Amino acid sequence: MVAVQTWTLFDKVHGTYKDNVLDLRHGHADLAVFSVAWAGDVSAVLLIAIRTWRLIFSPDLMHDDSKIKSVE
């Protein structure tokens, strides 16, 4: 699901760049904001892929929450 969002946001960033859309109040701020949002989505997709890979192929490396002590 996040990958689909990332793809559609990339399409928005590419369209904004290609059409040279300008916000008269901020200049090229639209492209910058969309680009940062897209970079965050790409990071989320990569993190999900890495954690899924580790969960499937190296479940012993996943953290055991029972070892975490609570602070009282």
Protein backbone atom coordinates (compact mmCIF):
# COMPACT_ATOMS: atom_id res chain seq x y z
CA MET A 1 0.00 0.00 0.00
CA VAL A 2 2.81 2.42 0.82
CA ALA A 3 4.49 1.52 -2.47
CA VAL A 4 1.35 2.61 -4.36
CA GLN A 5 1.29 5.89 -2.45
CA THR A 6 4.97 6.39 -3.25
CA TRP A 7 4.37 5.79 -6.95
CA THR A 8 1.44 8.22 -7.11
CA LEU A 9 3.40 10.86 -5.19
CA PHE A 10 6.31 10.43 -7.62
CA ASP A 11 3.85 11.01 -10.45
CA LYS A 12 2.74 14.23 -8.72
CA VAL A 13 6.35 15.41 -8.24
CA HIS A 14 7.24 14.58 -11.84
CA GLY A 15 4.11 16.32 -13.15
CA THR A 16 4.80 19.41 -11.05
CA TYR A 17 8.37 19.56 -12.36
CA LYS A 18 7.40 18.88 -15.98
CA ASP A 19 4.58 21.45 -15.99
CA ASN A 20 6.79 23.99 -14.18
CA VAL A 21 3.96 24.72 -11.74
CA LEU A 22 4.74 27.74 -9.60
CA ASP A 23 3.06 28.92 -6.45
CA LEU A 24 3.27 32.69 -6.77
CA ARG A 25 3.67 33.10 -3.01
CA HIS A 26 6.55 30.63 -2.65
CA GLY A 27 8.24 30.25 -6.03
CA HIS A 28 9.33 26.61 -6.46
CA ALA A 29 8.18 25.61 -2.97
CA ASP A 30 5.59 23.16 -4.34
CA LEU A 31 8.26 21.06 -6.04
CA ALA A 32 10.45 21.12 -2.91
CA VAL A 33 7.61 20.05 -0.60
CA PHE A 34 6.46 17.27 -2.93
CA SER A 35 10.06 16.08 -3.35
CA VAL A 36 10.66 15.89 0.40
CA ALA A 37 7.37 14.03 0.87
CA TRP A 38 8.33 11.59 -1.88
CA ALA A 39 11.76 11.00 -0.32
CA GLY A 40 10.02 10.18 2.97
CA ASP A 41 7.74 7.71 1.21
CA VAL A 42 10.71 6.04 -0.48
CA SER A 43 12.39 5.72 2.93
CA ALA A 44 9.25 4.12 4.36
CA VAL A 45 9.06 1.59 1.52
CA LEU A 46 12.73 0.68 1.98
CA LEU A 47 12.33 0.30 5.74
CA ILE A 48 9.27 -1.92 5.31
CA ALA A 49 11.12 -4.06 2.75
CA ILE A 50 14.19 -4.45 4.98
CA ARG A 51 12.14 -5.33 8.07
CA THR A 52 10.03 -7.82 6.11
CA TRP A 53 13.17 -9.44 4.68
CA ARG A 54 14.68 -9.72 8.16
CA LEU A 55 11.44 -11.10 9.59
CA ILE A 56 11.24 -13.82 6.93
CA PHE A 57 14.90 -14.80 6.57
CA SER A 58 16.42 -13.88 9.96
CA PRO A 59 13.70 -13.92 12.60
CA ASP A 60 16.30 -14.59 15.30
CA LEU A 61 17.72 -11.09 14.72
CA MET A 62 14.43 -9.42 15.58
CA HIS A 63 14.28 -7.81 19.00
CA ASP A 64 12.72 -9.64 21.92
CA ASP A 65 10.47 -7.16 23.76
CA SER A 66 10.46 -9.32 26.91
CA LYS A 67 14.04 -8.24 27.62
CA ILE A 68 13.05 -4.58 27.83
CA LYS A 69 12.62 -3.43 31.41
CA SER A 70 9.95 -0.90 32.20
CA VAL A 71 10.75 2.18 34.20
CA GLU A 72 8.62 2.64 37.30
